[in-house]
Amino acid sequence: MVELAPDNVKLKKALETASKIGAQYVLIVAEQGIEEERFQLKEMSSGTQRAVTRQELFDLFSNRAAGTQ
């Protein structure tokens, strides 16, 4: 499932909403990240956040969909 927060929603509120709906991950996209093709991926269960590339996102979710991770 994919949920998009409107532009005018604060990050804290968007993270609270993601937690309430049981999201496993939150992808944080900033203008600078778009230019650099690096995004922040937050794993909601552990609270860890890391920078990922578009390819890393593709690999992560392709593997999860295939059941290999």
N, C-alpha and C. Protein backbone atom coordinates (compact mmCIF):
# COMPACT_ATOMS: atom_id res chain seq x y z
N MET A 1 0.84 -1.16 0.00
CA MET A 1 0.00 0.00 0.00
C MET A 1 0.89 1.24 0.00
N VAL A 2 0.47 2.24 -0.67
CA VAL A 2 1.20 3.50 -0.72
C VAL A 2 0.26 4.61 -0.28
N GLU A 3 0.72 5.42 0.65
CA GLU A 3 -0.03 6.59 1.11
C GLU A 3 0.84 7.81 0.86
N LEU A 4 0.28 8.86 0.35
CA LEU A 4 1.00 10.11 0.13
C LEU A 4 0.43 11.19 1.03
N ALA A 5 1.33 11.88 1.71
CA ALA A 5 0.89 13.00 2.54
C ALA A 5 0.86 14.26 1.69
N PRO A 6 -0.15 15.06 1.84
CA PRO A 6 -0.19 16.33 1.11
C PRO A 6 1.02 17.21 1.47
N ASP A 7 1.39 18.08 0.58
CA ASP A 7 2.55 18.95 0.78
C ASP A 7 2.47 19.78 2.06
N ASN A 8 1.28 20.14 2.46
CA ASN A 8 1.15 21.04 3.61
C ASN A 8 1.14 20.31 4.95
N VAL A 9 1.31 18.98 4.96
CA VAL A 9 1.34 18.22 6.21
C VAL A 9 2.78 18.19 6.73
N LYS A 10 2.93 18.47 8.01
CA LYS A 10 4.25 18.46 8.65
C LYS A 10 4.75 17.01 8.75
N LEU A 11 6.07 16.85 8.71
CA LEU A 11 6.68 15.53 8.74
C LEU A 11 6.26 14.76 9.99
N LYS A 12 6.26 15.41 11.14
CA LYS A 12 5.89 14.72 12.38
C LYS A 12 4.48 14.14 12.28
N LYS A 13 3.56 14.91 11.76
CA LYS A 13 2.17 14.45 11.62
C LYS A 13 2.09 13.31 10.61
N ALA A 14 2.84 13.39 9.53
CA ALA A 14 2.84 12.33 8.52
C ALA A 14 3.40 11.03 9.12
N LEU A 15 4.45 11.13 9.95
CA LEU A 15 5.02 9.95 10.59
C LEU A 15 4.04 9.35 11.60
N GLU A 16 3.32 10.19 12.32
CA GLU A 16 2.29 9.71 13.24
C GLU A 16 1.21 8.94 12.50
N THR A 17 0.78 9.48 11.37
CA THR A 17 -0.24 8.83 10.56
C THR A 17 0.28 7.49 10.03
N ALA A 18 1.53 7.47 9.56
CA ALA A 18 2.13 6.22 9.07
C ALA A 18 2.16 5.17 10.16
N SER A 19 2.49 5.58 11.36
CA SER A 19 2.51 4.66 12.50
C SER A 19 1.12 4.12 12.80
N LYS A 20 0.13 5.00 12.77
CA LYS A 20 -1.25 4.59 13.06
C LYS A 20 -1.79 3.58 12.06
N ILE A 21 -1.40 3.72 10.79
CA ILE A 21 -1.91 2.79 9.77
C ILE A 21 -1.05 1.54 9.64
N GLY A 22 0.02 1.47 10.44
CA GLY A 22 0.86 0.27 10.44
C GLY A 22 1.86 0.19 9.31
N ALA A 23 2.29 1.33 8.82
CA ALA A 23 3.29 1.34 7.73
C ALA A 23 4.59 0.73 8.22
N GLN A 24 5.22 -0.07 7.37
CA GLN A 24 6.51 -0.65 7.71
C GLN A 24 7.63 0.33 7.42
N TYR A 25 7.48 1.09 6.35
CA TYR A 25 8.50 2.04 5.92
C TYR A 25 7.86 3.37 5.58
N VAL A 26 8.66 4.43 5.71
CA VAL A 26 8.27 5.75 5.24
C VAL A 26 9.41 6.26 4.37
N LEU A 27 9.07 6.70 3.18
CA LEU A 27 10.06 7.28 2.27
C LEU A 27 9.92 8.79 2.37
N ILE A 28 11.02 9.45 2.74
CA ILE A 28 11.01 10.90 2.90
C ILE A 28 11.75 11.49 1.70
N VAL A 29 11.02 12.27 0.92
CA VAL A 29 11.57 12.84 -0.31
C VAL A 29 11.64 14.35 -0.15
N ALA A 30 12.85 14.88 -0.27
CA ALA A 30 13.06 16.33 -0.21
C ALA A 30 13.54 16.80 -1.57
N GLU A 31 13.41 18.09 -1.82
CA GLU A 31 13.85 18.62 -3.12
C GLU A 31 15.31 18.30 -3.40
N GLN A 32 16.16 18.48 -2.41
CA GLN A 32 17.58 18.19 -2.60
C GLN A 32 17.78 16.70 -2.91
N GLY A 33 17.02 15.84 -2.26
CA GLY A 33 17.11 14.41 -2.51
C GLY A 33 16.72 14.05 -3.92
N ILE A 34 15.73 14.73 -4.46
CA ILE A 34 15.31 14.48 -5.84
C ILE A 34 16.45 14.82 -6.78
N GLU A 35 17.09 15.95 -6.56
CA GLU A 35 18.20 16.36 -7.42
C GLU A 35 19.37 15.37 -7.33
N GLU A 36 19.64 14.87 -6.13
CA GLU A 36 20.77 13.97 -5.91
C GLU A 36 20.38 12.49 -6.08
N GLU A 37 19.08 12.23 -6.27
CA GLU A 37 18.54 10.88 -6.35
C GLU A 37 18.91 10.06 -5.11
N ARG A 38 18.81 10.69 -3.95
CA ARG A 38 18.99 10.04 -2.66
C ARG A 38 17.82 10.44 -1.78
N PHE A 39 17.28 9.45 -1.11
CA PHE A 39 16.08 9.66 -0.31
C PHE A 39 16.31 9.09 1.09
N GLN A 40 15.49 9.48 2.03
CA GLN A 40 15.57 8.95 3.38
C GLN A 40 14.48 7.88 3.54
N LEU A 41 14.90 6.70 3.99
CA LEU A 41 13.97 5.61 4.22
C LEU A 41 13.96 5.32 5.71
N LYS A 42 12.79 5.43 6.31
CA LYS A 42 12.65 5.18 7.75
C LYS A 42 11.92 3.87 7.94
N GLU A 43 12.53 2.97 8.71
CA GLU A 43 11.89 1.71 9.07
C GLU A 43 11.13 1.97 10.36
N MET A 44 9.82 1.86 10.30
CA MET A 44 8.99 2.28 11.42
C MET A 44 9.15 1.39 12.65
N SER A 45 9.37 0.11 12.48
CA SER A 45 9.45 -0.78 13.65
C SER A 45 10.67 -0.50 14.51
N SER A 46 11.80 -0.18 13.86
CA SER A 46 13.03 0.07 14.61
C SER A 46 13.32 1.56 14.80
N GLY A 47 12.71 2.39 13.96
CA GLY A 47 12.96 3.82 14.01
C GLY A 47 14.23 4.24 13.28
N THR A 48 14.92 3.27 12.67
CA THR A 48 16.15 3.62 11.97
C THR A 48 15.82 4.31 10.65
N GLN A 49 16.69 5.21 10.29
CA GLN A 49 16.52 5.97 9.06
C GLN A 49 17.85 5.99 8.34
N ARG A 50 17.81 5.80 7.01
CA ARG A 50 19.05 5.80 6.25
C ARG A 50 18.81 6.38 4.86
N ALA A 51 19.90 6.86 4.28
CA ALA A 51 19.83 7.39 2.92
C ALA A 51 19.90 6.22 1.95
N VAL A 52 19.06 6.25 0.93
CA VAL A 52 19.04 5.20 -0.09
C VAL A 52 18.92 5.83 -1.47
N THR A 53 19.44 5.11 -2.45
CA THR A 53 19.30 5.54 -3.83
C THR A 53 18.03 4.92 -4.42
N ARG A 54 17.68 5.36 -5.59
CA ARG A 54 16.51 4.80 -6.28
C ARG A 54 16.72 3.31 -6.53
N GLN A 55 17.94 2.93 -6.91
CA GLN A 55 18.24 1.52 -7.17
C GLN A 55 18.12 0.68 -5.90
N GLU A 56 18.60 1.22 -4.78
CA GLU A 56 18.48 0.50 -3.50
C GLU A 56 17.02 0.30 -3.11
N LEU A 57 16.19 1.30 -3.36
CA LEU A 57 14.76 1.16 -3.09
C LEU A 57 14.15 0.06 -3.95
N PHE A 58 14.49 0.10 -5.22
CA PHE A 58 13.99 -0.91 -6.15
C PHE A 58 14.40 -2.30 -5.70
N ASP A 59 15.67 -2.47 -5.36
CA ASP A 59 16.18 -3.77 -4.94
C ASP A 59 15.49 -4.23 -3.65
N LEU A 60 15.37 -3.35 -2.68
CA LEU A 60 14.75 -3.70 -1.41
C LEU A 60 13.33 -4.20 -1.60
N PHE A 61 12.53 -3.44 -2.32
CA PHE A 61 11.13 -3.82 -2.45
C PHE A 61 10.89 -4.92 -3.47
N SER A 62 11.77 -5.06 -4.45
CA SER A 62 11.68 -6.21 -5.37
C SER A 62 11.96 -7.48 -4.60
N ASN A 63 12.99 -7.46 -3.74
CA ASN A 63 13.33 -8.65 -2.94
C ASN A 63 12.20 -8.98 -1.97
N ARG A 64 11.61 -7.97 -1.36
CA ARG A 64 10.51 -8.21 -0.41
C ARG A 64 9.31 -8.80 -1.13
N ALA A 65 9.02 -8.30 -2.32
CA ALA A 65 7.88 -8.80 -3.08
C ALA A 65 8.10 -10.25 -3.51
N ALA A 66 9.36 -10.58 -3.78
CA ALA A 66 9.71 -11.94 -4.19
C ALA A 66 9.86 -12.87 -2.99
N GLY A 67 9.84 -12.30 -1.78
CA GLY A 67 9.96 -13.09 -0.57
C GLY A 67 11.37 -13.53 -0.26
N THR A 68 12.37 -12.81 -0.79
CA THR A 68 13.75 -13.19 -0.54
C THR A 68 14.40 -12.34 0.54
N GLN A 69 13.64 -11.54 1.22
CA GLN A 69 14.23 -10.73 2.29
C GLN A 69 13.31 -10.63 3.45
